[in-house]
């Protein structure tokens, strides 16, 4: 998904710089997973004992250095593209570190960081193609739907999160959190016409994005009607996000 997002953000072109950008984003994504395994090793001993670190297949320091190596190669690739891509890569890695060490347990701030990092690939692709302005709108649309989904997932997982995290639903209550998450997600629906109006994507993007927006709207309605449906709504949002990515791809290709 990260590779496809870079391609879309670049406007559907393939060049040496775009291939380097796809590789860099892949390496950062892979590095973040190894980094997460390092920091979650104590929790994984209980929840996921079959994962490489708690199972003893990989030593914690090996997972850590492996992630550092992947980040370093991604930085080198980014530097080969242009200084702005290096800055974005450094920004992404810095926030990955902050997420694992600080924001993950802070609930709402963690939600924001996850949404920001997940949506950044579009802008990174646009920066690699030297027209980041167009891609920023796609990042914004992705940011809001991911942020809303993260909040609804926290509402669903409220009882389990009491051990490790202090999430937004714990702070303001489930119903209020669902409303906040729904507002954020609804922004992505409001922004639907802009990629066509601004000439970023062709009208073909609407063929898939309108059904995705309808799915998001239905998920919002279900969650607002009953907070117990927050998990169901988050699943609908995940499906809608996949459709939206396909819509962006269609809008770039045609």
C-alpha atoms as a PDB file:
ATOM      1  CA  UNK A   1       0.000   0.000   0.000  1.00  0.00           C
ATOM      2  CA  UNK A   2       2.866   2.367   0.782  1.00  0.00           C
ATOM      3  CA  UNK A   3       4.445   1.693  -2.624  1.00  0.00           C
ATOM      4  CA  UNK A   4       1.140   2.342  -4.417  1.00  0.00           C
ATOM      5  CA  UNK A   5       0.650   5.553  -2.397  1.00  0.00           C
ATOM      6  CA  UNK A   6       4.070   6.819  -3.518  1.00  0.00           C
ATOM      7  CA  UNK A   7       3.192   6.026  -7.134  1.00  0.00           C
ATOM      8  CA  UNK A   8      -0.133   7.872  -6.845  1.00  0.00           C
ATOM      9  CA  UNK A   9       1.471  10.848  -5.118  1.00  0.00           C
ATOM     10  CA  UNK A  10       4.016  11.025  -7.932  1.00  0.00           C
ATOM     11  CA  UNK A  11       1.178  11.389 -10.442  1.00  0.00           C
ATOM     12  CA  UNK A  12       1.455   7.912 -11.916  1.00  0.00           C
ATOM     13  CA  UNK A  13       4.917   8.332 -13.380  1.00  0.00           C
ATOM     14  CA  UNK A  14       7.830   5.898 -13.116  1.00  0.00           C
ATOM     15  CA  UNK A  15      11.417   7.126 -13.064  1.00  0.00           C
ATOM     16  CA  UNK A  16      14.629   6.366 -11.201  1.00  0.00           C
ATOM     17  CA  UNK A  17      13.648   8.844  -8.479  1.00  0.00           C
ATOM     18  CA  UNK A  18      10.193   7.295  -8.067  1.00  0.00           C
ATOM     19  CA  UNK A  19      11.658   3.784  -7.865  1.00  0.00           C
ATOM     20  CA  UNK A  20      14.070   5.027  -5.197  1.00  0.00           C
ATOM     21  CA  UNK A  21      11.123   6.629  -3.376  1.00  0.00           C
ATOM     22  CA  UNK A  22       9.123   3.391  -3.468  1.00  0.00           C
ATOM     23  CA  UNK A  23      12.135   1.500  -2.115  1.00  0.00           C
ATOM     24  CA  UNK A  24      12.728   4.065   0.643  1.00  0.00           C
ATOM     25  CA  UNK A  25       9.114   3.975   1.834  1.00  0.00           C
ATOM     26  CA  UNK A  26       9.161   0.171   1.798  1.00  0.00           C
ATOM     27  CA  UNK A  27      12.319   0.143   3.916  1.00  0.00           C
ATOM     28  CA  UNK A  28      10.898   2.640   6.415  1.00  0.00           C
ATOM     29  CA  UNK A  29       7.708   0.593   6.692  1.00  0.00           C
ATOM     30  CA  UNK A  30       9.670  -2.629   7.239  1.00  0.00           C
ATOM     31  CA  UNK A  31      11.965  -0.891   9.707  1.00  0.00           C
ATOM     32  CA  UNK A  32       8.984   0.389  11.687  1.00  0.00           C
ATOM     33  CA  UNK A  33       7.722  -3.177  12.093  1.00  0.00           C
ATOM     34  CA  UNK A  34      11.066  -4.437  13.425  1.00  0.00           C
ATOM     35  CA  UNK A  35      11.274  -1.335  15.636  1.00  0.00           C
ATOM     36  CA  UNK A  36       7.807  -2.110  17.003  1.00  0.00           C
ATOM     37  CA  UNK A  37       8.834  -5.710  17.718  1.00  0.00           C
ATOM     38  CA  UNK A  38      11.770  -4.415  19.750  1.00  0.00           C
ATOM     39  CA  UNK A  39       9.708  -2.056  21.892  1.00  0.00           C
ATOM     40  CA  UNK A  40       6.772  -4.472  22.327  1.00  0.00           C
ATOM     41  CA  UNK A  41       8.935  -7.458  23.240  1.00  0.00           C
ATOM     42  CA  UNK A  42       7.755  -7.619  26.881  1.00  0.00           C
ATOM     43  CA  UNK A  43       4.081  -7.352  25.941  1.00  0.00           C
ATOM     44  CA  UNK A  44       4.545  -9.868  23.107  1.00  0.00           C
ATOM     45  CA  UNK A  45       5.895 -12.459  25.549  1.00  0.00           C
ATOM     46  CA  UNK A  46       2.332 -12.636  26.884  1.00  0.00           C
ATOM     47  CA  UNK A  47       0.190 -11.694  23.896  1.00  0.00           C
ATOM     48  CA  UNK A  48       2.236 -13.008  20.946  1.00  0.00           C
ATOM     49  CA  UNK A  49       4.877 -15.467  22.218  1.00  0.00           C
ATOM     50  CA  UNK A  50       5.341 -16.931  18.714  1.00  0.00           C
ATOM     51  CA  UNK A  51       6.758 -13.687  17.276  1.00  0.00           C
ATOM     52  CA  UNK A  52      10.506 -13.761  16.473  1.00  0.00           C
ATOM     53  CA  UNK A  53      11.786 -11.715  19.440  1.00  0.00           C
ATOM     54  CA  UNK A  54       9.808 -13.352  22.303  1.00  0.00           C
ATOM     55  CA  UNK A  55      10.309 -16.754  20.667  1.00  0.00           C
ATOM     56  CA  UNK A  56      14.073 -16.240  20.815  1.00  0.00           C
ATOM     57  CA  UNK A  57      14.583 -16.537  17.060  1.00  0.00           C
ATOM     58  CA  UNK A  58      15.809 -12.913  16.936  1.00  0.00           C
ATOM     59  CA  UNK A  59      17.565 -11.128  19.798  1.00  0.00           C
ATOM     60  CA  UNK A  60      16.072  -7.747  20.809  1.00  0.00           C
ATOM     61  CA  UNK A  61      19.258  -5.888  19.875  1.00  0.00           C
ATOM     62  CA  UNK A  62      19.254  -7.619  16.482  1.00  0.00           C
ATOM     63  CA  UNK A  63      15.721  -6.379  15.799  1.00  0.00           C
ATOM     64  CA  UNK A  64      16.735  -2.875  16.863  1.00  0.00           C
ATOM     65  CA  UNK A  65      19.875  -2.739  14.695  1.00  0.00           C
ATOM     66  CA  UNK A  66      18.030  -4.281  11.768  1.00  0.00           C
ATOM     67  CA  UNK A  67      15.468  -1.464  11.917  1.00  0.00           C
ATOM     68  CA  UNK A  68      18.232   1.148  12.206  1.00  0.00           C
ATOM     69  CA  UNK A  69      19.943  -0.335   9.143  1.00  0.00           C
ATOM     70  CA  UNK A  70      16.725  -0.186   7.122  1.00  0.00           C
ATOM     71  CA  UNK A  71      16.133   3.435   8.167  1.00  0.00           C
ATOM     72  CA  UNK A  72      19.717   4.320   7.182  1.00  0.00           C
ATOM     73  CA  UNK A  73      19.372   2.800   3.705  1.00  0.00           C
ATOM     74  CA  UNK A  74      16.024   4.586   3.267  1.00  0.00           C
ATOM     75  CA  UNK A  75      17.722   7.864   4.211  1.00  0.00           C
ATOM     76  CA  UNK A  76      20.479   7.214   1.666  1.00  0.00           C
ATOM     77  CA  UNK A  77      17.912   6.532  -1.075  1.00  0.00           C
ATOM     78  CA  UNK A  78      16.009   9.685  -0.102  1.00  0.00           C
ATOM     79  CA  UNK A  79      19.182  11.777  -0.313  1.00  0.00           C
ATOM     80  CA  UNK A  80      19.768  10.471  -3.832  1.00  0.00           C
ATOM     81  CA  UNK A  81      16.331  11.819  -4.837  1.00  0.00           C
ATOM     82  CA  UNK A  82      16.457  15.314  -3.338  1.00  0.00           C
ATOM     83  CA  UNK A  83      16.996  17.030   0.051  1.00  0.00           C
ATOM     84  CA  UNK A  84      13.250  17.446   0.616  1.00  0.00           C
ATOM     85  CA  UNK A  85      12.698  13.683   0.404  1.00  0.00           C
ATOM     86  CA  UNK A  86      15.501  13.210   2.923  1.00  0.00           C
ATOM     87  CA  UNK A  87      13.794  15.713   5.229  1.00  0.00           C
ATOM     88  CA  UNK A  88      10.455  13.877   4.918  1.00  0.00           C
ATOM     89  CA  UNK A  89      12.130  10.514   5.565  1.00  0.00           C
ATOM     90  CA  UNK A  90      13.897  11.917   8.635  1.00  0.00           C
ATOM     91  CA  UNK A  91      10.616  13.423   9.827  1.00  0.00           C
ATOM     92  CA  UNK A  92       8.848  10.074   9.418  1.00  0.00           C
ATOM     93  CA  UNK A  93      11.531   8.087  11.238  1.00  0.00           C
ATOM     94  CA  UNK A  94      11.694  10.659  14.054  1.00  0.00           C
ATOM     95  CA  UNK A  95       7.959  10.384  14.608  1.00  0.00           C
ATOM     96  CA  UNK A  96       8.145   6.579  14.465  1.00  0.00           C
ATOM     97  CA  UNK A  97      10.653   6.730  17.321  1.00  0.00           C
ATOM     98  CA  UNK A  98       8.498   9.217  19.241  1.00  0.00           C
ATOM     99  CA  UNK A  99       5.437   7.035  18.689  1.00  0.00           C
ATOM    100  CA  UNK A 100       7.087   3.932  20.137  1.00  0.00           C
ATOM    101  CA  UNK A 101       8.761   5.723  23.040  1.00  0.00           C
ATOM    102  CA  UNK A 102       6.163   8.328  23.944  1.00  0.00           C
ATOM    103  CA  UNK A 103       2.946   8.747  21.968  1.00  0.00           C
ATOM    104  CA  UNK A 104       1.729   5.144  21.695  1.00  0.00           C
ATOM    105  CA  UNK A 105       0.481   5.158  25.271  1.00  0.00           C
ATOM    106  CA  UNK A 106      -0.990   8.661  25.063  1.00  0.00           C
ATOM    107  CA  UNK A 107      -4.038   7.655  23.056  1.00  0.00           C
ATOM    108  CA  UNK A 108      -5.135  10.590  20.932  1.00  0.00           C
ATOM    109  CA  UNK A 109      -1.604  11.835  20.177  1.00  0.00           C
ATOM    110  CA  UNK A 110      -0.753   8.298  19.112  1.00  0.00           C
ATOM    111  CA  UNK A 111      -3.796   8.311  16.803  1.00  0.00           C
ATOM    112  CA  UNK A 112      -2.596  11.542  15.196  1.00  0.00           C
ATOM    113  CA  UNK A 113       0.930  10.211  14.655  1.00  0.00           C
ATOM    114  CA  UNK A 114      -0.348   6.960  13.092  1.00  0.00           C
ATOM    115  CA  UNK A 115      -2.643   8.887  10.734  1.00  0.00           C
ATOM    116  CA  UNK A 116       0.112  11.361   9.836  1.00  0.00           C
ATOM    117  CA  UNK A 117       2.714   8.696   9.081  1.00  0.00           C
ATOM    118  CA  UNK A 118       0.248   6.500   7.177  1.00  0.00           C
ATOM    119  CA  UNK A 119      -0.808   9.366   4.923  1.00  0.00           C
ATOM    120  CA  UNK A 120       2.666  10.814   4.349  1.00  0.00           C
ATOM    121  CA  UNK A 121       3.559   8.405   1.506  1.00  0.00           C
ATOM    122  CA  UNK A 122       1.428  10.403  -0.968  1.00  0.00           C
ATOM    123  CA  UNK A 123       3.321  13.624  -0.206  1.00  0.00           C
ATOM    124  CA  UNK A 124       6.637  11.781  -0.288  1.00  0.00           C
ATOM    125  CA  UNK A 125       5.817  10.508  -3.782  1.00  0.00           C
ATOM    126  CA  UNK A 126       4.819  13.982  -4.906  1.00  0.00           C
ATOM    127  CA  UNK A 127       8.040  15.390  -3.470  1.00  0.00           C
ATOM    128  CA  UNK A 128      10.078  12.773  -5.337  1.00  0.00           C
ATOM    129  CA  UNK A 129       8.311  13.859  -8.552  1.00  0.00           C
ATOM    130  CA  UNK A 130       8.912  17.526  -7.628  1.00  0.00           C
ATOM    131  CA  UNK A 131       5.253  18.520  -7.403  1.00  0.00           C
ATOM    132  CA  UNK A 132       4.307  17.900  -3.738  1.00  0.00           C
ATOM    133  CA  UNK A 133       1.412  20.366  -3.755  1.00  0.00           C
ATOM    134  CA  UNK A 134      -0.959  18.057  -5.618  1.00  0.00           C
ATOM    135  CA  UNK A 135      -0.161  15.096  -3.372  1.00  0.00           C
ATOM    136  CA  UNK A 136      -0.757  17.016  -0.126  1.00  0.00           C
ATOM    137  CA  UNK A 137      -4.529  16.995  -0.694  1.00  0.00           C
ATOM    138  CA  UNK A 138      -4.491  13.194  -1.040  1.00  0.00           C
ATOM    139  CA  UNK A 139      -2.479  12.962   2.184  1.00  0.00           C
ATOM    140  CA  UNK A 140      -5.016  15.186   3.940  1.00  0.00           C
ATOM    141  CA  UNK A 141      -7.939  13.033   2.770  1.00  0.00           C
ATOM    142  CA  UNK A 142      -6.154   9.873   3.919  1.00  0.00           C
ATOM    143  CA  UNK A 143      -5.159  11.497   7.232  1.00  0.00           C
ATOM    144  CA  UNK A 144      -8.713  12.297   8.294  1.00  0.00           C
ATOM    145  CA  UNK A 145     -10.224   8.912   7.493  1.00  0.00           C
ATOM    146  CA  UNK A 146      -7.323   7.080   9.191  1.00  0.00           C
ATOM    147  CA  UNK A 147      -7.552   9.325  12.258  1.00  0.00           C
ATOM    148  CA  UNK A 148     -11.300   8.727  12.542  1.00  0.00           C
ATOM    149  CA  UNK A 149     -10.810   4.990  12.193  1.00  0.00           C
ATOM    150  CA  UNK A 150      -8.074   4.945  14.843  1.00  0.00           C
ATOM    151  CA  UNK A 151     -10.422   6.653  17.318  1.00  0.00           C
ATOM    152  CA  UNK A 152     -13.239   4.205  16.585  1.00  0.00           C
ATOM    153  CA  UNK A 153     -10.831   1.285  17.004  1.00  0.00           C
ATOM    154  CA  UNK A 154      -9.854   2.678  20.413  1.00  0.00           C
ATOM    155  CA  UNK A 155     -13.553   2.849  21.298  1.00  0.00           C
ATOM    156  CA  UNK A 156     -13.927  -0.806  20.353  1.00  0.00           C
ATOM    157  CA  UNK A 157     -10.794  -1.822  22.287  1.00  0.00           C
ATOM    158  CA  UNK A 158     -11.469   0.344  25.353  1.00  0.00           C
ATOM    159  CA  UNK A 159     -11.552  -2.523  27.876  1.00  0.00           C
ATOM    160  CA  UNK A 160      -8.313  -4.084  26.599  1.00  0.00           C
ATOM    161  CA  UNK A 161      -6.417  -0.787  26.349  1.00  0.00           C
ATOM    162  CA  UNK A 162      -6.724  -0.020  30.062  1.00  0.00           C
ATOM    163  CA  UNK A 163      -3.566  -2.047  30.653  1.00  0.00           C
ATOM    164  CA  UNK A 164      -1.198  -0.133  28.365  1.00  0.00           C
ATOM    165  CA  UNK A 165      -2.851   3.039  27.033  1.00  0.00           C
ATOM    166  CA  UNK A 166      -4.953   6.027  28.038  1.00  0.00           C
ATOM    167  CA  UNK A 167      -7.043   6.611  24.932  1.00  0.00           C
ATOM    168  CA  UNK A 168      -9.499   9.305  23.876  1.00  0.00           C
ATOM    169  CA  UNK A 169     -12.588   7.177  24.751  1.00  0.00           C
ATOM    170  CA  UNK A 170     -11.159   6.780  28.267  1.00  0.00           C
ATOM    171  CA  UNK A 171     -10.785  10.545  28.564  1.00  0.00           C
ATOM    172  CA  UNK A 172     -14.119  11.737  27.179  1.00  0.00           C
ATOM    173  CA  UNK A 173     -16.285   8.593  27.073  1.00  0.00           C
ATOM    174  CA  UNK A 174     -17.239   6.226  24.266  1.00  0.00           C
ATOM    175  CA  UNK A 175     -20.125   8.201  22.805  1.00  0.00           C
ATOM    176  CA  UNK A 176     -18.196  11.471  22.662  1.00  0.00           C
ATOM    177  CA  UNK A 177     -15.188   9.676  21.143  1.00  0.00           C
ATOM    178  CA  UNK A 178     -17.392   8.159  18.435  1.00  0.00           C
ATOM    179  CA  UNK A 179     -18.674  11.639  17.598  1.00  0.00           C
ATOM    180  CA  UNK A 180     -15.137  13.024  17.367  1.00  0.00           C
ATOM    181  CA  UNK A 181     -13.995  10.101  15.212  1.00  0.00           C
ATOM    182  CA  UNK A 182     -17.039  10.487  12.988  1.00  0.00           C
ATOM    183  CA  UNK A 183     -16.367  14.195  12.446  1.00  0.00           C
ATOM    184  CA  UNK A 184     -12.776  13.533  11.406  1.00  0.00           C
ATOM    185  CA  UNK A 185     -13.836  10.756   9.046  1.00  0.00           C
ATOM    186  CA  UNK A 186     -16.617  12.870   7.551  1.00  0.00           C
ATOM    187  CA  UNK A 187     -14.020  15.422   6.402  1.00  0.00           C
ATOM    188  CA  UNK A 188     -12.772  12.902   3.830  1.00  0.00           C
ATOM    189  CA  UNK A 189     -16.309  12.794   2.383  1.00  0.00           C
ATOM    190  CA  UNK A 190     -16.541  16.590   2.229  1.00  0.00           C
ATOM    191  CA  UNK A 191     -13.246  16.728   0.328  1.00  0.00           C
ATOM    192  CA  UNK A 192     -14.418  14.208  -2.309  1.00  0.00           C
ATOM    193  CA  UNK A 193     -14.809  16.656  -5.259  1.00  0.00           C
ATOM    194  CA  UNK A 194     -11.545  18.557  -4.737  1.00  0.00           C
ATOM    195  CA  UNK A 195      -9.066  16.219  -6.511  1.00  0.00           C
ATOM    196  CA  UNK A 196     -11.151  16.527  -9.698  1.00  0.00           C
ATOM    197  CA  UNK A 197     -11.910  20.228  -9.264  1.00  0.00           C
ATOM    198  CA  UNK A 198      -8.212  20.994  -8.803  1.00  0.00           C
ATOM    199  CA  UNK A 199      -7.139  18.764 -11.698  1.00  0.00           C
ATOM    200  CA  UNK A 200      -5.156  16.371  -9.492  1.00  0.00           C
ATOM    201  CA  UNK A 201      -7.129  13.271 -10.521  1.00  0.00           C
ATOM    202  CA  UNK A 202      -9.405  12.495 -13.450  1.00  0.00           C
ATOM    203  CA  UNK A 203     -13.155  12.049 -13.042  1.00  0.00           C
ATOM    204  CA  UNK A 204     -12.623   8.280 -13.180  1.00  0.00           C
ATOM    205  CA  UNK A 205     -11.522   8.461  -9.547  1.00  0.00           C
ATOM    206  CA  UNK A 206     -15.132   9.193  -8.578  1.00  0.00           C
ATOM    207  CA  UNK A 207     -16.250   5.794  -9.894  1.00  0.00           C
ATOM    208  CA  UNK A 208     -14.665   4.119  -6.868  1.00  0.00           C
ATOM    209  CA  UNK A 209     -14.430   6.999  -4.414  1.00  0.00           C
ATOM    210  CA  UNK A 210     -18.161   7.775  -4.289  1.00  0.00           C
ATOM    211  CA  UNK A 211     -18.989   4.189  -3.189  1.00  0.00           C
ATOM    212  CA  UNK A 212     -16.110   4.425  -0.679  1.00  0.00           C
ATOM    213  CA  UNK A 213     -17.539   7.685   0.671  1.00  0.00           C
ATOM    214  CA  UNK A 214     -20.990   6.058   0.907  1.00  0.00           C
ATOM    215  CA  UNK A 215     -19.459   3.198   2.899  1.00  0.00           C
ATOM    216  CA  UNK A 216     -17.798   5.696   5.234  1.00  0.00           C
ATOM    217  CA  UNK A 217     -21.099   7.560   5.651  1.00  0.00           C
ATOM    218  CA  UNK A 218     -22.903   4.326   6.518  1.00  0.00           C
ATOM    219  CA  UNK A 219     -20.187   3.434   9.045  1.00  0.00           C
ATOM    220  CA  UNK A 220     -20.541   6.849  10.672  1.00  0.00           C
ATOM    221  CA  UNK A 221     -24.311   6.430  10.868  1.00  0.00           C
ATOM    222  CA  UNK A 222     -24.005   2.945  12.414  1.00  0.00           C
ATOM    223  CA  UNK A 223     -21.470   4.087  15.030  1.00  0.00           C
ATOM    224  CA  UNK A 224     -23.486   7.177  15.988  1.00  0.00           C
ATOM    225  CA  UNK A 225     -26.632   5.081  16.374  1.00  0.00           C
ATOM    226  CA  UNK A 226     -24.924   2.577  18.669  1.00  0.00           C
ATOM    227  CA  UNK A 227     -21.396   2.893  20.112  1.00  0.00           C
ATOM    228  CA  UNK A 228     -21.197  -0.918  20.177  1.00  0.00           C
ATOM    229  CA  UNK A 229     -21.017  -0.717  16.384  1.00  0.00           C
ATOM    230  CA  UNK A 230     -17.719   1.215  16.515  1.00  0.00           C
ATOM    231  CA  UNK A 231     -15.748  -1.928  15.663  1.00  0.00           C
ATOM    232  CA  UNK A 232     -18.055  -2.699  12.747  1.00  0.00           C
ATOM    233  CA  UNK A 233     -17.710   0.884  11.512  1.00  0.00           C
ATOM    234  CA  UNK A 234     -13.912   0.707  11.709  1.00  0.00           C
ATOM    235  CA  UNK A 235     -14.022  -2.439   9.550  1.00  0.00           C
ATOM    236  CA  UNK A 236     -16.170  -0.577   7.012  1.00  0.00           C
ATOM    237  CA  UNK A 237     -13.667   2.281   7.044  1.00  0.00           C
ATOM    238  CA  UNK A 238     -10.846  -0.168   6.321  1.00  0.00           C
ATOM    239  CA  UNK A 239     -12.749  -1.453   3.283  1.00  0.00           C
ATOM    240  CA  UNK A 240     -13.454   2.125   2.215  1.00  0.00           C
ATOM    241  CA  UNK A 241      -9.756   3.005   2.538  1.00  0.00           C
ATOM    242  CA  UNK A 242      -8.829   0.158   0.194  1.00  0.00           C
ATOM    243  CA  UNK A 243     -11.476   1.380  -2.274  1.00  0.00           C
ATOM    244  CA  UNK A 244     -10.195   4.955  -1.933  1.00  0.00           C
ATOM    245  CA  UNK A 245      -6.654   3.843  -2.731  1.00  0.00           C
ATOM    246  CA  UNK A 246      -8.027   2.110  -5.831  1.00  0.00           C
ATOM    247  CA  UNK A 247      -9.939   5.290  -6.691  1.00  0.00           C
ATOM    248  CA  UNK A 248      -6.772   7.393  -6.446  1.00  0.00           C
ATOM    249  CA  UNK A 249      -4.954   4.873  -8.632  1.00  0.00           C
ATOM    250  CA  UNK A 250      -7.762   4.969 -11.201  1.00  0.00           C
ATOM    251  CA  UNK A 251      -7.740   8.761 -11.189  1.00  0.00           C
ATOM    252  CA  UNK A 252      -3.992   8.822 -11.858  1.00  0.00           C
ATOM    253  CA  UNK A 253      -4.011   6.093 -14.521  1.00  0.00           C
ATOM    254  CA  UNK A 254      -6.971   7.319 -16.638  1.00  0.00           C
END
